[in-house]
PDB file of N, CA and C in Angstrom:
ATOM      1  N   MET A   1     115.321  19.267  28.486  1.00  0.00           N
ATOM      2  CA  MET A   1     116.140  19.875  29.385  1.00  0.00           C
ATOM      3  C   MET A   1     116.407  21.329  28.880  1.00  0.00           C
ATOM      4  N   SER A   2     116.317  22.269  29.807  1.00  0.00           N
ATOM      5  CA  SER A   2     116.427  23.702  29.476  1.00  0.00           C
ATOM      6  C   SER A   2     117.719  24.285  29.965  1.00  0.00           C
ATOM      7  N   THR A   3     118.387  24.986  29.116  1.00  0.00           N
ATOM      8  CA  THR A   3     119.628  25.660  29.608  1.00  0.00           C
ATOM      9  C   THR A   3     119.325  27.152  29.789  1.00  0.00           C
ATOM     10  N   ASN A   4     119.893  27.681  30.778  1.00  0.00           N
ATOM     11  CA  ASN A   4     119.778  29.049  31.056  1.00  0.00           C
ATOM     12  C   ASN A   4     121.064  29.820  30.789  1.00  0.00           C
ATOM     13  N   ASN A   5     121.182  30.458  29.712  1.00  0.00           N
ATOM     14  CA  ASN A   5     122.482  31.142  29.331  1.00  0.00           C
ATOM     15  C   ASN A   5     122.357  32.642  29.605  1.00  0.00           C
ATOM     16  N   THR A   6     122.176  33.020  30.778  1.00  0.00           N
ATOM     17  CA  THR A   6     122.164  34.469  31.151  1.00  0.00           C
ATOM     18  C   THR A   6     123.490  34.880  31.796  1.00  0.00           C
ATOM     19  N   SER A   7     123.886  35.928  31.496  1.00  0.00           N
ATOM     20  CA  SER A   7     125.052  36.520  32.186  1.00  0.00           C
ATOM     21  C   SER A   7     124.861  37.846  32.772  1.00  0.00           C
ATOM     22  N   ALA A   8     125.420  38.156  33.834  1.00  0.00           N
ATOM     23  CA  ALA A   8     125.280  39.444  34.460  1.00  0.00           C
ATOM     24  C   ALA A   8     126.070  40.461  33.711  1.00  0.00           C
ATOM     25  N   GLY A   9     125.482  41.652  33.409  1.00  0.00           N
ATOM     26  CA  GLY A   9     126.215  42.672  32.721  1.00  0.00           C
ATOM     27  C   GLY A   9     127.067  43.468  33.615  1.00  0.00           C
ATOM     28  N   GLY A  10     128.306  43.130  33.824  1.00  0.00           N
ATOM     29  CA  GLY A  10     129.134  43.994  34.723  1.00  0.00           C
ATOM     30  C   GLY A  10     130.278  44.380  33.870  1.00  0.00           C
ATOM     31  N   GLY A  11     131.247  45.003  34.509  1.00  0.00           N
ATOM     32  CA  GLY A  11     132.454  45.347  33.768  1.00  0.00           C
ATOM     33  C   GLY A  11     132.736  46.808  33.924  1.00  0.00           C
ATOM     34  N   VAL A  12     133.742  47.208  33.148  1.00  0.00           N
ATOM     35  CA  VAL A  12     134.214  48.619  33.270  1.00  0.00           C
ATOM     36  C   VAL A  12     133.581  49.444  32.168  1.00  0.00           C
ATOM     37  N   SER A  13     133.090  50.656  32.513  1.00  0.00           N
ATOM     38  CA  SER A  13     132.515  51.535  31.526  1.00  0.00           C
ATOM     39  C   SER A  13     133.676  52.251  30.767  1.00  0.00           C
ATOM     40  N   ILE A  14     133.312  52.949  29.691  1.00  0.00           N
ATOM     41  CA  ILE A  14     134.301  53.676  28.974  1.00  0.00           C
ATOM     42  C   ILE A  14     134.983  54.648  29.805  1.00  0.00           C
ATOM     43  N   ILE A  15     134.242  55.399  30.689  1.00  0.00           N
ATOM     44  CA  ILE A  15     134.785  56.418  31.531  1.00  0.00           C
ATOM     45  C   ILE A  15     135.796  55.806  32.517  1.00  0.00           C
ATOM     46  N   GLY A  16     135.381  54.623  33.071  1.00  0.00           N
ATOM     47  CA  GLY A  16     136.301  53.974  34.002  1.00  0.00           C
ATOM     48  C   GLY A  16     137.505  53.467  33.354  1.00  0.00           C
ATOM     49  N   LEU A  17     137.355  53.027  32.121  1.00  0.00           N
ATOM     50  CA  LEU A  17     138.535  52.506  31.369  1.00  0.00           C
ATOM     51  C   LEU A  17     139.494  53.693  31.051  1.00  0.00           C
ATOM     52  N   LEU A  18     138.894  54.827  30.687  1.00  0.00           N
ATOM     53  CA  LEU A  18     139.667  56.025  30.351  1.00  0.00           C
ATOM     54  C   LEU A  18     140.446  56.402  31.640  1.00  0.00           C
ATOM     55  N   GLY A  19     139.763  56.404  32.794  1.00  0.00           N
ATOM     56  CA  GLY A  19     140.483  56.775  34.044  1.00  0.00           C
ATOM     57  C   GLY A  19     141.591  55.828  34.323  1.00  0.00           C
ATOM     58  N   ILE A  20     141.438  54.509  34.082  1.00  0.00           N
ATOM     59  CA  ILE A  20     142.550  53.608  34.374  1.00  0.00           C
ATOM     60  C   ILE A  20     143.675  53.826  33.373  1.00  0.00           C
ATOM     61  N   VAL A  21     143.386  54.116  32.110  1.00  0.00           N
ATOM     62  CA  VAL A  21     144.395  54.365  31.138  1.00  0.00           C
ATOM     63  C   VAL A  21     145.206  55.624  31.512  1.00  0.00           C
ATOM     64  N   PHE A  22     144.493  56.629  32.041  1.00  0.00           N
ATOM     65  CA  PHE A  22     145.219  57.902  32.405  1.00  0.00           C
ATOM     66  C   PHE A  22     146.155  57.665  33.676  1.00  0.00           C
ATOM     67  N   ILE A  23     145.679  56.784  34.558  1.00  0.00           N
ATOM     68  CA  ILE A  23     146.473  56.427  35.749  1.00  0.00           C
ATOM     69  C   ILE A  23     147.760  55.701  35.358  1.00  0.00           C
ATOM     70  N   VAL A  24     147.552  54.737  34.458  1.00  0.00           N
ATOM     71  CA  VAL A  24     148.713  53.964  34.016  1.00  0.00           C
ATOM     72  C   VAL A  24     149.642  54.854  33.257  1.00  0.00           C
ATOM     73  N   LEU A  25     149.161  55.718  32.385  1.00  0.00           N
ATOM     74  CA  LEU A  25     150.069  56.657  31.636  1.00  0.00           C
ATOM     75  C   LEU A  25     150.774  57.604  32.604  1.00  0.00           C
ATOM     76  N   LYS A  26     150.158  58.070  33.692  1.00  0.00           N
ATOM     77  CA  LYS A  26     150.768  58.877  34.595  1.00  0.00           C
ATOM     78  C   LYS A  26     151.820  58.191  35.419  1.00  0.00           C
ATOM     79  N   LEU A  27     151.575  56.990  35.875  1.00  0.00           N
ATOM     80  CA  LEU A  27     152.498  56.274  36.626  1.00  0.00           C
ATOM     81  C   LEU A  27     153.703  55.729  35.827  1.00  0.00           C
ATOM     82  N   THR A  28     153.594  55.604  34.529  1.00  0.00           N
ATOM     83  CA  THR A  28     154.709  55.253  33.664  1.00  0.00           C
ATOM     84  C   THR A  28     155.359  56.441  33.029  1.00  0.00           C
ATOM     85  N   HIS A  29     154.989  57.625  33.556  1.00  0.00           N
ATOM     86  CA  HIS A  29     155.583  58.894  33.122  1.00  0.00           C
ATOM     87  C   HIS A  29     155.548  59.241  31.622  1.00  0.00           C
ATOM     88  N   VAL A  30     154.432  58.677  31.072  1.00  0.00           N
ATOM     89  CA  VAL A  30     154.159  59.069  29.663  1.00  0.00           C
ATOM     90  C   VAL A  30     153.503  60.451  29.529  1.00  0.00           C
ATOM     91  N   ILE A  31     152.584  60.732  30.519  1.00  0.00           N
ATOM     92  CA  ILE A  31     152.001  62.048  30.628  1.00  0.00           C
ATOM     93  C   ILE A  31     152.544  62.691  31.872  1.00  0.00           C
ATOM     94  N   SER A  32     152.547  64.051  31.844  1.00  0.00           N
ATOM     95  CA  SER A  32     152.950  64.765  33.090  1.00  0.00           C
ATOM     96  C   SER A  32     151.802  65.686  33.617  1.00  0.00           C
ATOM     97  N   TRP A  33     150.663  65.278  33.439  1.00  0.00           N
ATOM     98  CA  TRP A  33     149.436  65.993  33.859  1.00  0.00           C
ATOM     99  C   TRP A  33     149.396  66.023  35.392  1.00  0.00           C
ATOM    100  N   PRO A  34     148.792  67.015  35.941  1.00  0.00           N
ATOM    101  CA  PRO A  34     148.481  67.001  37.379  1.00  0.00           C
ATOM    102  C   PRO A  34     147.476  65.852  37.733  1.00  0.00           C
ATOM    103  N   TRP A  35     147.613  65.425  38.950  1.00  0.00           N
ATOM    104  CA  TRP A  35     146.658  64.270  39.338  1.00  0.00           C
ATOM    105  C   TRP A  35     145.158  64.655  39.225  1.00  0.00           C
ATOM    106  N   ILE A  36     144.880  65.884  39.435  1.00  0.00           N
ATOM    107  CA  ILE A  36     143.491  66.279  39.366  1.00  0.00           C
ATOM    108  C   ILE A  36     142.881  65.975  37.995  1.00  0.00           C
ATOM    109  N   TRP A  37     143.659  66.163  36.883  1.00  0.00           N
ATOM    110  CA  TRP A  37     143.191  65.873  35.562  1.00  0.00           C
ATOM    111  C   TRP A  37     143.333  64.421  35.234  1.00  0.00           C
ATOM    112  N   VAL A  38     144.266  63.744  35.773  1.00  0.00           N
ATOM    113  CA  VAL A  38     144.313  62.313  35.604  1.00  0.00           C
ATOM    114  C   VAL A  38     143.111  61.569  36.178  1.00  0.00           C
ATOM    115  N   LEU A  39     142.663  62.057  37.303  1.00  0.00           N
ATOM    116  CA  LEU A  39     141.493  61.450  37.990  1.00  0.00           C
ATOM    117  C   LEU A  39     140.135  62.115  37.544  1.00  0.00           C
ATOM    118  N   ALA A  40     140.137  62.990  36.583  1.00  0.00           N
ATOM    119  CA  ALA A  40     138.981  63.707  36.217  1.00  0.00           C
ATOM    120  C   ALA A  40     137.901  62.748  35.708  1.00  0.00           C
ATOM    121  N   PRO A  41     138.174  61.686  34.934  1.00  0.00           N
ATOM    122  CA  PRO A  41     137.017  60.833  34.524  1.00  0.00           C
ATOM    123  C   PRO A  41     136.170  60.292  35.690  1.00  0.00           C
ATOM    124  N   PHE A  42     136.809  60.291  36.913  1.00  0.00           N
ATOM    125  CA  PHE A  42     136.052  59.700  38.041  1.00  0.00           C
ATOM    126  C   PHE A  42     135.273  60.721  38.727  1.00  0.00           C
ATOM    127  N   TRP A  43     135.612  62.039  38.758  1.00  0.00           N
ATOM    128  CA  TRP A  43     134.946  63.038  39.501  1.00  0.00           C
ATOM    129  C   TRP A  43     134.111  64.016  38.669  1.00  0.00           C
ATOM    130  N   VAL A  44     134.335  64.112  37.433  1.00  0.00           N
ATOM    131  CA  VAL A  44     133.626  65.178  36.627  1.00  0.00           C
ATOM    132  C   VAL A  44     132.146  64.836  36.580  1.00  0.00           C
ATOM    133  N   GLY A  45     131.837  63.579  36.400  1.00  0.00           N
ATOM    134  CA  GLY A  45     130.422  63.292  36.359  1.00  0.00           C
ATOM    135  C   GLY A  45     129.625  63.605  37.657  1.00  0.00           C
ATOM    136  N   ILE A  46     130.271  63.339  38.771  1.00  0.00           N
ATOM    137  CA  ILE A  46     129.702  63.618  40.120  1.00  0.00           C
ATOM    138  C   ILE A  46     129.573  65.130  40.276  1.00  0.00           C
ATOM    139  N   ALA A  47     130.587  65.864  39.901  1.00  0.00           N
ATOM    140  CA  ALA A  47     130.548  67.350  40.038  1.00  0.00           C
ATOM    141  C   ALA A  47     129.459  67.900  39.186  1.00  0.00           C
ATOM    142  N   LEU A  48     129.332  67.426  37.951  1.00  0.00           N
ATOM    143  CA  LEU A  48     128.261  67.870  37.013  1.00  0.00           C
ATOM    144  C   LEU A  48     126.850  67.610  37.633  1.00  0.00           C
ATOM    145  N   ALA A  49     126.699  66.390  38.182  1.00  0.00           N
ATOM    146  CA  ALA A  49     125.369  66.093  38.814  1.00  0.00           C
ATOM    147  C   ALA A  49     125.123  66.951  39.950  1.00  0.00           C
ATOM    148  N   LEU A  50     126.131  67.313  40.751  1.00  0.00           N
ATOM    149  CA  LEU A  50     125.910  68.158  41.905  1.00  0.00           C
ATOM    150  C   LEU A  50     125.510  69.581  41.398  1.00  0.00           C
ATOM    151  N   VAL A  51     126.199  70.132  40.417  1.00  0.00           N
ATOM    152  CA  VAL A  51     125.858  71.474  39.890  1.00  0.00           C
ATOM    153  C   VAL A  51     124.382  71.456  39.314  1.00  0.00           C
ATOM    154  N   VAL A  52     124.021  70.425  38.636  1.00  0.00           N
ATOM    155  CA  VAL A  52     122.676  70.403  38.038  1.00  0.00           C
ATOM    156  C   VAL A  52     121.652  70.311  39.167  1.00  0.00           C
ATOM    157  N   GLY A  53     121.956  69.520  40.178  1.00  0.00           N
ATOM    158  CA  GLY A  53     121.031  69.390  41.342  1.00  0.00           C
ATOM    159  C   GLY A  53     120.936  70.671  42.094  1.00  0.00           C
ATOM    160  N   ILE A  54     121.979  71.412  42.339  1.00  0.00           N
ATOM    161  CA  ILE A  54     121.857  72.640  43.039  1.00  0.00           C
ATOM    162  C   ILE A  54     121.123  73.709  42.214  1.00  0.00           C
ATOM    163  N   VAL A  55     121.343  73.750  40.941  1.00  0.00           N
ATOM    164  CA  VAL A  55     120.579  74.776  40.079  1.00  0.00           C
ATOM    165  C   VAL A  55     119.122  74.376  40.110  1.00  0.00           C
ATOM    166  N   ALA A  56     118.731  73.060  40.032  1.00  0.00           N
ATOM    167  CA  ALA A  56     117.373  72.663  40.126  1.00  0.00           C
ATOM    168  C   ALA A  56     116.749  73.014  41.393  1.00  0.00           C
ATOM    169  N   LEU A  57     117.476  72.827  42.512  1.00  0.00           N
ATOM    170  CA  LEU A  57     117.009  73.174  43.832  1.00  0.00           C
ATOM    171  C   LEU A  57     116.762  74.702  43.931  1.00  0.00           C
ATOM    172  N   LEU A  58     117.655  75.564  43.318  1.00  0.00           N
ATOM    173  CA  LEU A  58     117.406  76.944  43.435  1.00  0.00           C
ATOM    174  C   LEU A  58     116.233  77.420  42.563  1.00  0.00           C
ATOM    175  N   ILE A  59     116.087  76.798  41.449  1.00  0.00           N
ATOM    176  CA  ILE A  59     114.972  77.038  40.587  1.00  0.00           C
ATOM    177  C   ILE A  59     113.604  76.668  41.329  1.00  0.00           C
ATOM    178  N   TRP A  60     113.561  75.537  41.876  1.00  0.00           N
ATOM    179  CA  TRP A  60     112.432  74.998  42.536  1.00  0.00           C
ATOM    180  C   TRP A  60     112.104  75.895  43.766  1.00  0.00           C
ATOM    181  N   SER A  61     113.149  76.362  44.545  1.00  0.00           N
ATOM    182  CA  SER A  61     112.859  77.060  45.668  1.00  0.00           C
ATOM    183  C   SER A  61     112.403  78.553  45.335  1.00  0.00           C
ATOM    184  N   SER A  62     112.864  79.065  44.213  1.00  0.00           N
ATOM    185  CA  SER A  62     112.429  80.392  43.748  1.00  0.00           C
ATOM    186  C   SER A  62     110.966  80.288  43.338  1.00  0.00           C
ATOM    187  N   PHE A  63     110.596  79.247  42.560  1.00  0.00           N
ATOM    188  CA  PHE A  63     109.177  79.157  42.197  1.00  0.00           C
ATOM    189  C   PHE A  63     108.269  78.990  43.352  1.00  0.00           C
ATOM    190  N   LYS A  64     108.770  78.170  44.375  1.00  0.00           N
ATOM    191  CA  LYS A  64     107.952  78.075  45.614  1.00  0.00           C
ATOM    192  C   LYS A  64     107.758  79.311  46.371  1.00  0.00           C
ATOM    193  N   ALA A  65     108.914  80.162  46.348  1.00  0.00           N
ATOM    194  CA  ALA A  65     108.796  81.419  47.057  1.00  0.00           C
ATOM    195  C   ALA A  65     107.911  82.390  46.346  1.00  0.00           C
ATOM    196  N   LEU A  66     107.915  82.372  45.011  1.00  0.00           N
ATOM    197  CA  LEU A  66     107.012  83.241  44.256  1.00  0.00           C
ATOM    198  C   LEU A  66     105.554  82.807  44.410  1.00  0.00           C
ATOM    199  N   GLY A  67     105.341  81.500  44.474  1.00  0.00           N
ATOM    200  CA  GLY A  67     103.967  81.052  44.669  1.00  0.00           C
ATOM    201  C   GLY A  67     103.394  81.372  45.976  1.00  0.00           C
ATOM    202  N   ARG A  68     104.198  81.484  47.061  1.00  0.00           N
ATOM    203  CA  ARG A  68     103.800  81.801  48.362  1.00  0.00           C
ATOM    204  C   ARG A  68     103.360  83.213  48.553  1.00  0.00           C
ATOM    205  N   LYS A  69     103.948  84.154  47.706  1.00  0.00           N
ATOM    206  CA  LYS A  69     103.681  85.608  47.820  1.00  0.00           C
ATOM    207  C   LYS A  69     102.373  85.893  47.139  1.00  0.00           C
ATOM    208  N   ARG A  70     101.816  85.099  46.213  1.00  0.00           N
ATOM    209  CA  ARG A  70     100.578  85.423  45.553  1.00  0.00           C
ATOM    210  C   ARG A  70      99.399  85.202  46.377  1.00  0.00           C
TER     211      ARG A  70
END
């Protein structure tokens, strides 16, 4: 008889846990940070990915435009 002991790897990441901790600290008045910084662990990664994507798109389009002129 074979047993299958696999488990799905789910859960909260370090960044998500940090965000939850910041929210709890804000709601219990331990910290008095603005909400934008309390929620920063949730949006900073997305903002960074957008900036990198836009820069990559600008570099790609400039190389494409230079290649078309030759």
